[in-house]
Amino acid sequence: MLYDPICGRKVSAGSSGVICVEYKKRKYYFCSEGCRASFQREAERIRLHELARVGALLSSGKVRWGMA
């Protein structure tokens, strides 16, 4: 099961009507056109937020994993 990165709803990649966008070699799934449009306006901020959530620390354009 996948989650819409905008509203957090569960979406199934195989069901009809699910909207998919590929951004920087990663696929994102959405429950509606509104969520897709919101993502496209703020795609880089959302991607950086995801990296921060999994422990990536950005420094001088480089990604370092772990704590500094």
C-alpha atoms as a PDB file:
ATOM      1  CA  MET A   1       0.000   0.000   0.000  1.00  0.00           C
ATOM      2  CA  LEU A   2       1.256   3.482  -0.902  1.00  0.00           C
ATOM      3  CA  TYR A   3       0.403   6.885   0.551  1.00  0.00           C
ATOM      4  CA  ASP A   4      -0.393  10.158  -1.176  1.00  0.00           C
ATOM      5  CA  PRO A   5       2.474  12.512  -0.139  1.00  0.00           C
ATOM      6  CA  ILE A   6       0.117  15.506   0.037  1.00  0.00           C
ATOM      7  CA  CYS A   7      -2.909  14.329   2.018  1.00  0.00           C
ATOM      8  CA  GLY A   8      -1.618  11.026   3.424  1.00  0.00           C
ATOM      9  CA  ARG A   9      -4.440   8.876   2.071  1.00  0.00           C
ATOM     10  CA  LYS A  10      -3.721   5.277   1.155  1.00  0.00           C
ATOM     11  CA  VAL A  11      -3.618   4.621  -2.577  1.00  0.00           C
ATOM     12  CA  SER A  12      -3.161   1.398  -4.488  1.00  0.00           C
ATOM     13  CA  ALA A  13      -0.744   1.542  -7.418  1.00  0.00           C
ATOM     14  CA  GLY A  14      -2.732  -1.016  -9.380  1.00  0.00           C
ATOM     15  CA  SER A  15      -6.204   0.498  -9.080  1.00  0.00           C
ATOM     16  CA  SER A  16      -7.805   2.525 -11.837  1.00  0.00           C
ATOM     17  CA  GLY A  17      -8.030   6.268 -11.346  1.00  0.00           C
ATOM     18  CA  VAL A  18      -4.784   6.511  -9.399  1.00  0.00           C
ATOM     19  CA  ILE A  19      -2.580   9.332 -10.644  1.00  0.00           C
ATOM     20  CA  CYS A  20       1.163   8.762 -10.839  1.00  0.00           C
ATOM     21  CA  VAL A  21       3.986  11.271 -11.374  1.00  0.00           C
ATOM     22  CA  GLU A  22       7.681  10.475 -11.672  1.00  0.00           C
ATOM     23  CA  TYR A  23      10.009  13.041 -10.114  1.00  0.00           C
ATOM     24  CA  LYS A  24      13.796  12.549  -9.960  1.00  0.00           C
ATOM     25  CA  LYS A  25      13.542   8.816 -10.732  1.00  0.00           C
ATOM     26  CA  ARG A  26      10.916   8.154  -8.024  1.00  0.00           C
ATOM     27  CA  LYS A  27       7.226   7.547  -8.577  1.00  0.00           C
ATOM     28  CA  TYR A  28       4.652   9.351  -6.468  1.00  0.00           C
ATOM     29  CA  TYR A  29       0.990   8.291  -6.363  1.00  0.00           C
ATOM     30  CA  PHE A  30      -1.966  10.586  -5.712  1.00  0.00           C
ATOM     31  CA  CYS A  31      -5.620  10.179  -4.823  1.00  0.00           C
ATOM     32  CA  SER A  32      -6.759  13.183  -6.908  1.00  0.00           C
ATOM     33  CA  GLU A  33      -5.735  15.776  -9.480  1.00  0.00           C
ATOM     34  CA  GLY A  34      -5.712  18.401  -6.724  1.00  0.00           C
ATOM     35  CA  CYS A  35      -3.059  16.513  -4.769  1.00  0.00           C
ATOM     36  CA  ARG A  36      -1.009  15.997  -7.940  1.00  0.00           C
ATOM     37  CA  ALA A  37      -1.159  19.720  -8.728  1.00  0.00           C
ATOM     38  CA  SER A  38      -0.090  20.600  -5.166  1.00  0.00           C
ATOM     39  CA  PHE A  39       2.832  18.192  -5.447  1.00  0.00           C
ATOM     40  CA  GLN A  40       3.993  19.653  -8.752  1.00  0.00           C
ATOM     41  CA  ARG A  41       4.024  23.158  -7.240  1.00  0.00           C
ATOM     42  CA  GLU A  42       6.134  22.024  -4.272  1.00  0.00           C
ATOM     43  CA  ALA A  43       7.903  18.865  -5.531  1.00  0.00           C
ATOM     44  CA  GLU A  44      11.448  19.770  -4.479  1.00  0.00           C
ATOM     45  CA  ARG A  45      10.399  20.864  -0.972  1.00  0.00           C
ATOM     46  CA  ILE A  46       8.458  17.621  -0.492  1.00  0.00           C
ATOM     47  CA  ARG A  47      11.384  15.520  -1.742  1.00  0.00           C
ATOM     48  CA  LEU A  48      13.802  17.283   0.632  1.00  0.00           C
ATOM     49  CA  HIS A  49      11.355  16.778   3.502  1.00  0.00           C
ATOM     50  CA  GLU A  50      11.293  13.033   2.719  1.00  0.00           C
ATOM     51  CA  LEU A  51      15.107  12.915   2.742  1.00  0.00           C
ATOM     52  CA  ALA A  52      15.199  14.680   6.094  1.00  0.00           C
ATOM     53  CA  ARG A  53      12.696  12.195   7.493  1.00  0.00           C
ATOM     54  CA  VAL A  54      14.956   9.236   6.678  1.00  0.00           C
ATOM     55  CA  GLY A  55      18.030  10.874   8.187  1.00  0.00           C
ATOM     56  CA  ALA A  56      19.706  12.707   5.308  1.00  0.00           C
ATOM     57  CA  LEU A  57      21.573  15.848   6.314  1.00  0.00           C
ATOM     58  CA  LEU A  58      22.252  18.267   3.480  1.00  0.00           C
ATOM     59  CA  SER A  59      25.549  20.100   3.625  1.00  0.00           C
ATOM     60  CA  SER A  60      27.242  22.121   0.851  1.00  0.00           C
ATOM     61  CA  GLY A  61      25.218  20.394  -1.867  1.00  0.00           C
ATOM     62  CA  LYS A  62      26.192  16.916  -0.642  1.00  0.00           C
ATOM     63  CA  VAL A  63      24.034  14.362   1.112  1.00  0.00           C
ATOM     64  CA  ARG A  64      25.515  12.793   4.246  1.00  0.00           C
ATOM     65  CA  TRP A  65      23.676   9.968   5.953  1.00  0.00           C
ATOM     66  CA  GLY A  66      23.526   9.869   9.743  1.00  0.00           C
ATOM     67  CA  MET A  67      24.121  12.495  12.367  1.00  0.00           C
ATOM     68  CA  ALA A  68      26.725  15.241  12.084  1.00  0.00           C
END
